[in-house]
């Protein structure tokens, strides 16, 4: 049976699975779209303005405009000098340097504003990925446990001890994993400090 899933940013996608699978896929898609909708609603007016400016200055055309303005500015001053007229910004073009410096500062600030929001979204996605990964690991451990129990209960299957299955059917403890990662990170930091700080 074919169903159609509608997305906000793209064409409709035909789903060819069972109705239950299609319903689950639709629920997941709607959950992701709701997440992005909520995040977009949190954006302030000035944040939206900064992101629109960032979208404009991120285009190759913006670079071309900057180069064109610099060339026109420079040639205009040189032409005025050759014609014996007063230059509005004689070499070394201090006004042009100031304008370019201010534009670079504003551009950097706008890009950082957008980057900070994208970083927050990425951290939320990474946190969600970690939760899903831990849940998947717990489900896999439960499935292994059920398979082992089924193998023990089947009369026509020889019962044998599988040490790998015994280990895998135990759910991972997230706290122990994080503690192990922290322990490994500390010696690396100490090694970096010992390399970067010479002994007297």
C-alpha atoms as a PDB file:
ATOM      1  CA  UNK A   1       0.000   0.000   0.000  1.00  0.00           C
ATOM      2  CA  UNK A   2       1.361   3.424  -0.976  1.00  0.00           C
ATOM      3  CA  UNK A   3       0.937   6.509   1.155  1.00  0.00           C
ATOM      4  CA  UNK A   4       2.219  10.028   0.710  1.00  0.00           C
ATOM      5  CA  UNK A   5       4.281  11.859   3.296  1.00  0.00           C
ATOM      6  CA  UNK A   6       4.365  15.634   2.997  1.00  0.00           C
ATOM      7  CA  UNK A   7       7.458  17.566   4.046  1.00  0.00           C
ATOM      8  CA  UNK A   8       7.785  21.303   4.612  1.00  0.00           C
ATOM      9  CA  UNK A   9      10.911  21.847   2.517  1.00  0.00           C
ATOM     10  CA  UNK A  10      10.579  19.308  -0.275  1.00  0.00           C
ATOM     11  CA  UNK A  11       8.240  17.335  -2.488  1.00  0.00           C
ATOM     12  CA  UNK A  12       5.892  14.697  -1.184  1.00  0.00           C
ATOM     13  CA  UNK A  13       7.483  11.278  -0.654  1.00  0.00           C
ATOM     14  CA  UNK A  14       5.596   8.062  -1.390  1.00  0.00           C
ATOM     15  CA  UNK A  15       5.748   5.522   1.427  1.00  0.00           C
ATOM     16  CA  UNK A  16       5.485   1.890   0.336  1.00  0.00           C
ATOM     17  CA  UNK A  17       5.545   0.158   3.711  1.00  0.00           C
ATOM     18  CA  UNK A  18       2.730  -1.182   5.836  1.00  0.00           C
ATOM     19  CA  UNK A  19       0.211   1.266   7.344  1.00  0.00           C
ATOM     20  CA  UNK A  20       1.822   0.914  10.783  1.00  0.00           C
ATOM     21  CA  UNK A  21       5.298   1.642   9.375  1.00  0.00           C
ATOM     22  CA  UNK A  22       3.992   4.587   7.358  1.00  0.00           C
ATOM     23  CA  UNK A  23       2.279   6.004  10.436  1.00  0.00           C
ATOM     24  CA  UNK A  24       5.495   5.733  12.442  1.00  0.00           C
ATOM     25  CA  UNK A  25       7.509   7.401   9.663  1.00  0.00           C
ATOM     26  CA  UNK A  26       4.961  10.216   9.466  1.00  0.00           C
ATOM     27  CA  UNK A  27       5.089  10.692  13.226  1.00  0.00           C
ATOM     28  CA  UNK A  28       8.898  10.920  13.134  1.00  0.00           C
ATOM     29  CA  UNK A  29       8.819  13.425  10.266  1.00  0.00           C
ATOM     30  CA  UNK A  30       6.197  15.558  12.018  1.00  0.00           C
ATOM     31  CA  UNK A  31       8.206  15.450  15.251  1.00  0.00           C
ATOM     32  CA  UNK A  32      11.310  16.746  13.450  1.00  0.00           C
ATOM     33  CA  UNK A  33       9.310  19.447  11.654  1.00  0.00           C
ATOM     34  CA  UNK A  34       7.679  20.487  14.939  1.00  0.00           C
ATOM     35  CA  UNK A  35      11.118  20.761  16.524  1.00  0.00           C
ATOM     36  CA  UNK A  36      12.348  23.100  13.783  1.00  0.00           C
ATOM     37  CA  UNK A  37       9.099  25.091  13.898  1.00  0.00           C
ATOM     38  CA  UNK A  38       9.456  25.628  17.641  1.00  0.00           C
ATOM     39  CA  UNK A  39      13.070  26.692  17.237  1.00  0.00           C
ATOM     40  CA  UNK A  40      12.100  29.144  14.483  1.00  0.00           C
ATOM     41  CA  UNK A  41       9.399  30.640  16.706  1.00  0.00           C
ATOM     42  CA  UNK A  42      12.009  31.311  19.395  1.00  0.00           C
ATOM     43  CA  UNK A  43      14.070  33.499  17.050  1.00  0.00           C
ATOM     44  CA  UNK A  44      13.807  37.200  17.879  1.00  0.00           C
ATOM     45  CA  UNK A  45      13.257  39.927  15.303  1.00  0.00           C
ATOM     46  CA  UNK A  46      16.888  41.074  15.369  1.00  0.00           C
ATOM     47  CA  UNK A  47      18.090  37.494  15.112  1.00  0.00           C
ATOM     48  CA  UNK A  48      16.000  37.093  11.944  1.00  0.00           C
ATOM     49  CA  UNK A  49      17.449  40.334  10.540  1.00  0.00           C
ATOM     50  CA  UNK A  50      20.991  39.146  11.295  1.00  0.00           C
ATOM     51  CA  UNK A  51      20.322  35.792   9.635  1.00  0.00           C
ATOM     52  CA  UNK A  52      18.924  37.454   6.511  1.00  0.00           C
ATOM     53  CA  UNK A  53      22.010  39.651   6.308  1.00  0.00           C
ATOM     54  CA  UNK A  54      24.176  36.566   6.845  1.00  0.00           C
ATOM     55  CA  UNK A  55      22.356  34.807   3.987  1.00  0.00           C
ATOM     56  CA  UNK A  56      23.077  37.768   1.697  1.00  0.00           C
ATOM     57  CA  UNK A  57      26.751  38.164   2.566  1.00  0.00           C
ATOM     58  CA  UNK A  58      27.252  34.420   2.243  1.00  0.00           C
ATOM     59  CA  UNK A  59      26.596  34.591  -1.497  1.00  0.00           C
ATOM     60  CA  UNK A  60      29.456  34.773  -4.054  1.00  0.00           C
ATOM     61  CA  UNK A  61      27.791  37.869  -5.519  1.00  0.00           C
ATOM     62  CA  UNK A  62      28.571  39.766  -2.294  1.00  0.00           C
ATOM     63  CA  UNK A  63      32.298  39.179  -2.804  1.00  0.00           C
ATOM     64  CA  UNK A  64      31.992  40.470  -6.346  1.00  0.00           C
ATOM     65  CA  UNK A  65      30.222  43.613  -5.123  1.00  0.00           C
ATOM     66  CA  UNK A  66      32.970  44.296  -2.574  1.00  0.00           C
ATOM     67  CA  UNK A  67      35.707  43.893  -5.192  1.00  0.00           C
ATOM     68  CA  UNK A  68      33.786  46.104  -7.630  1.00  0.00           C
ATOM     69  CA  UNK A  69      33.362  48.875  -5.027  1.00  0.00           C
ATOM     70  CA  UNK A  70      37.075  48.737  -4.132  1.00  0.00           C
ATOM     71  CA  UNK A  71      38.098  48.931  -7.816  1.00  0.00           C
ATOM     72  CA  UNK A  72      35.715  51.823  -8.557  1.00  0.00           C
ATOM     73  CA  UNK A  73      36.845  53.663  -5.421  1.00  0.00           C
ATOM     74  CA  UNK A  74      40.529  53.250  -6.281  1.00  0.00           C
ATOM     75  CA  UNK A  75      40.182  54.080  -9.989  1.00  0.00           C
ATOM     76  CA  UNK A  76      37.969  57.071  -9.145  1.00  0.00           C
ATOM     77  CA  UNK A  77      40.622  58.588  -6.889  1.00  0.00           C
ATOM     78  CA  UNK A  78      43.409  57.885  -9.357  1.00  0.00           C
ATOM     79  CA  UNK A  79      41.358  59.415 -12.193  1.00  0.00           C
ATOM     80  CA  UNK A  80      40.679  62.556 -10.168  1.00  0.00           C
ATOM     81  CA  UNK A  81      44.403  62.909  -9.467  1.00  0.00           C
ATOM     82  CA  UNK A  82      45.272  62.503 -13.162  1.00  0.00           C
ATOM     83  CA  UNK A  83      42.673  65.132 -14.087  1.00  0.00           C
ATOM     84  CA  UNK A  84      44.134  67.552 -11.556  1.00  0.00           C
ATOM     85  CA  UNK A  85      41.056  67.506  -9.333  1.00  0.00           C
ATOM     86  CA  UNK A  86      40.850  67.028  -5.587  1.00  0.00           C
ATOM     87  CA  UNK A  87      40.648  63.362  -4.560  1.00  0.00           C
ATOM     88  CA  UNK A  88      37.957  62.422  -2.062  1.00  0.00           C
ATOM     89  CA  UNK A  89      40.220  59.715  -0.593  1.00  0.00           C
ATOM     90  CA  UNK A  90      43.862  60.060  -1.651  1.00  0.00           C
ATOM     91  CA  UNK A  91      46.256  57.117  -1.334  1.00  0.00           C
ATOM     92  CA  UNK A  92      46.692  55.119   0.888  1.00  0.00           C
ATOM     93  CA  UNK A  93      42.874  55.342   0.848  1.00  0.00           C
ATOM     94  CA  UNK A  94      42.261  55.750   4.565  1.00  0.00           C
ATOM     95  CA  UNK A  95      38.500  56.161   4.128  1.00  0.00           C
ATOM     96  CA  UNK A  96      38.331  52.966   2.086  1.00  0.00           C
ATOM     97  CA  UNK A  97      40.364  51.108   4.693  1.00  0.00           C
ATOM     98  CA  UNK A  98      38.040  52.310   7.453  1.00  0.00           C
ATOM     99  CA  UNK A  99      34.904  51.326   5.531  1.00  0.00           C
ATOM    100  CA  UNK A 100      36.311  47.898   4.661  1.00  0.00           C
ATOM    101  CA  UNK A 101      37.422  47.371   8.277  1.00  0.00           C
ATOM    102  CA  UNK A 102      33.984  48.331   9.623  1.00  0.00           C
ATOM    103  CA  UNK A 103      32.283  46.088   7.046  1.00  0.00           C
ATOM    104  CA  UNK A 104      34.557  43.192   8.034  1.00  0.00           C
ATOM    105  CA  UNK A 105      33.723  43.720  11.729  1.00  0.00           C
ATOM    106  CA  UNK A 106      29.971  43.818  11.063  1.00  0.00           C
ATOM    107  CA  UNK A 107      30.179  40.805   8.746  1.00  0.00           C
ATOM    108  CA  UNK A 108      32.078  38.781  11.349  1.00  0.00           C
ATOM    109  CA  UNK A 109      29.556  39.719  14.043  1.00  0.00           C
ATOM    110  CA  UNK A 110      26.575  38.761  11.876  1.00  0.00           C
ATOM    111  CA  UNK A 111      28.151  35.429  10.927  1.00  0.00           C
ATOM    112  CA  UNK A 112      28.944  34.674  14.583  1.00  0.00           C
ATOM    113  CA  UNK A 113      25.354  35.449  15.617  1.00  0.00           C
ATOM    114  CA  UNK A 114      24.059  32.933  13.074  1.00  0.00           C
ATOM    115  CA  UNK A 115      26.790  30.422  13.930  1.00  0.00           C
ATOM    116  CA  UNK A 116      25.914  30.560  17.637  1.00  0.00           C
ATOM    117  CA  UNK A 117      22.287  29.670  16.923  1.00  0.00           C
ATOM    118  CA  UNK A 118      23.297  26.841  14.588  1.00  0.00           C
ATOM    119  CA  UNK A 119      25.699  25.557  17.257  1.00  0.00           C
ATOM    120  CA  UNK A 120      22.868  25.476  19.808  1.00  0.00           C
ATOM    121  CA  UNK A 121      20.704  23.527  17.353  1.00  0.00           C
ATOM    122  CA  UNK A 122      23.584  21.128  16.698  1.00  0.00           C
ATOM    123  CA  UNK A 123      24.066  20.558  20.432  1.00  0.00           C
ATOM    124  CA  UNK A 124      20.355  19.784  20.824  1.00  0.00           C
ATOM    125  CA  UNK A 125      20.507  17.342  17.903  1.00  0.00           C
ATOM    126  CA  UNK A 126      23.623  15.693  19.360  1.00  0.00           C
ATOM    127  CA  UNK A 127      21.861  15.356  22.719  1.00  0.00           C
ATOM    128  CA  UNK A 128      18.862  13.761  20.982  1.00  0.00           C
ATOM    129  CA  UNK A 129      21.164  11.447  18.999  1.00  0.00           C
ATOM    130  CA  UNK A 130      22.808  10.333  22.245  1.00  0.00           C
ATOM    131  CA  UNK A 131      19.423   9.552  23.796  1.00  0.00           C
ATOM    132  CA  UNK A 132      18.321   7.609  20.702  1.00  0.00           C
ATOM    133  CA  UNK A 133      21.625   5.709  20.622  1.00  0.00           C
ATOM    134  CA  UNK A 134      21.319   4.714  24.278  1.00  0.00           C
ATOM    135  CA  UNK A 135      17.700   3.655  23.755  1.00  0.00           C
ATOM    136  CA  UNK A 136      18.693   1.630  20.679  1.00  0.00           C
ATOM    137  CA  UNK A 137      21.446  -0.065  22.653  1.00  0.00           C
ATOM    138  CA  UNK A 138      18.990  -0.961  25.411  1.00  0.00           C
ATOM    139  CA  UNK A 139      16.558  -2.401  22.853  1.00  0.00           C
ATOM    140  CA  UNK A 140      19.334  -4.423  21.216  1.00  0.00           C
ATOM    141  CA  UNK A 141      20.391  -5.797  24.594  1.00  0.00           C
ATOM    142  CA  UNK A 142      16.781  -6.750  25.349  1.00  0.00           C
ATOM    143  CA  UNK A 143      16.440  -8.505  21.980  1.00  0.00           C
ATOM    144  CA  UNK A 144      19.633 -10.495  22.586  1.00  0.00           C
ATOM    145  CA  UNK A 145      18.307 -11.430  26.012  1.00  0.00           C
ATOM    146  CA  UNK A 146      15.011 -12.620  24.508  1.00  0.00           C
ATOM    147  CA  UNK A 147      16.815 -14.607  21.799  1.00  0.00           C
ATOM    148  CA  UNK A 148      19.019 -16.268  24.390  1.00  0.00           C
ATOM    149  CA  UNK A 149      15.966 -17.118  26.472  1.00  0.00           C
ATOM    150  CA  UNK A 150      14.235 -18.530  23.382  1.00  0.00           C
ATOM    151  CA  UNK A 151      17.319 -20.593  22.532  1.00  0.00           C
ATOM    152  CA  UNK A 152      17.390 -22.058  26.035  1.00  0.00           C
ATOM    153  CA  UNK A 153      13.667 -22.907  25.900  1.00  0.00           C
ATOM    154  CA  UNK A 154      13.670 -24.624  22.495  1.00  0.00           C
ATOM    155  CA  UNK A 155      13.980 -28.381  22.999  1.00  0.00           C
ATOM    156  CA  UNK A 156      15.556 -29.085  19.601  1.00  0.00           C
ATOM    157  CA  UNK A 157      18.322 -26.475  20.016  1.00  0.00           C
ATOM    158  CA  UNK A 158      21.422 -27.464  21.914  1.00  0.00           C
ATOM    159  CA  UNK A 159      21.919 -25.282  24.940  1.00  0.00           C
ATOM    160  CA  UNK A 160      25.422 -23.851  25.174  1.00  0.00           C
ATOM    161  CA  UNK A 161      26.997 -20.965  26.997  1.00  0.00           C
ATOM    162  CA  UNK A 162      27.871 -18.013  24.744  1.00  0.00           C
ATOM    163  CA  UNK A 163      30.077 -15.531  26.666  1.00  0.00           C
ATOM    164  CA  UNK A 164      29.746 -12.817  23.996  1.00  0.00           C
ATOM    165  CA  UNK A 165      25.951 -13.016  24.066  1.00  0.00           C
ATOM    166  CA  UNK A 166      26.053 -12.937  27.861  1.00  0.00           C
ATOM    167  CA  UNK A 167      27.998  -9.674  27.725  1.00  0.00           C
ATOM    168  CA  UNK A 168      25.920  -8.108  24.930  1.00  0.00           C
ATOM    169  CA  UNK A 169      22.585  -8.808  26.620  1.00  0.00           C
ATOM    170  CA  UNK A 170      23.568  -6.518  29.486  1.00  0.00           C
ATOM    171  CA  UNK A 171      22.582  -2.889  28.883  1.00  0.00           C
ATOM    172  CA  UNK A 172      25.384  -0.348  28.757  1.00  0.00           C
ATOM    173  CA  UNK A 173      25.695   1.965  31.735  1.00  0.00           C
ATOM    174  CA  UNK A 174      26.000   5.533  30.331  1.00  0.00           C
ATOM    175  CA  UNK A 175      27.592   6.794  33.536  1.00  0.00           C
ATOM    176  CA  UNK A 176      30.423   4.276  33.338  1.00  0.00           C
ATOM    177  CA  UNK A 177      31.063   5.117  29.677  1.00  0.00           C
ATOM    178  CA  UNK A 178      31.236   8.849  30.410  1.00  0.00           C
ATOM    179  CA  UNK A 179      33.533   8.204  33.373  1.00  0.00           C
ATOM    180  CA  UNK A 180      35.834   6.100  31.175  1.00  0.00           C
ATOM    181  CA  UNK A 181      35.920   8.839  28.533  1.00  0.00           C
ATOM    182  CA  UNK A 182      36.777  11.434  31.189  1.00  0.00           C
ATOM    183  CA  UNK A 183      39.598   9.259  32.520  1.00  0.00           C
ATOM    184  CA  UNK A 184      41.076   8.935  29.033  1.00  0.00           C
ATOM    185  CA  UNK A 185      40.711  12.658  28.348  1.00  0.00           C
ATOM    186  CA  UNK A 186      42.652  13.685  31.465  1.00  0.00           C
ATOM    187  CA  UNK A 187      45.981  11.979  30.540  1.00  0.00           C
ATOM    188  CA  UNK A 188      45.757  13.458  27.027  1.00  0.00           C
ATOM    189  CA  UNK A 189      45.343  16.953  28.475  1.00  0.00           C
ATOM    190  CA  UNK A 190      48.263  16.373  30.838  1.00  0.00           C
ATOM    191  CA  UNK A 191      50.380  15.165  27.920  1.00  0.00           C
ATOM    192  CA  UNK A 192      49.525  18.286  25.895  1.00  0.00           C
ATOM    193  CA  UNK A 193      50.428  20.534  28.833  1.00  0.00           C
ATOM    194  CA  UNK A 194      53.706  18.699  29.426  1.00  0.00           C
ATOM    195  CA  UNK A 195      54.648  19.108  25.756  1.00  0.00           C
ATOM    196  CA  UNK A 196      53.658  22.760  25.532  1.00  0.00           C
ATOM    197  CA  UNK A 197      55.307  23.839  28.814  1.00  0.00           C
ATOM    198  CA  UNK A 198      59.098  23.324  28.704  1.00  0.00           C
ATOM    199  CA  UNK A 199      60.873  22.323  31.864  1.00  0.00           C
ATOM    200  CA  UNK A 200      63.112  25.006  33.425  1.00  0.00           C
END
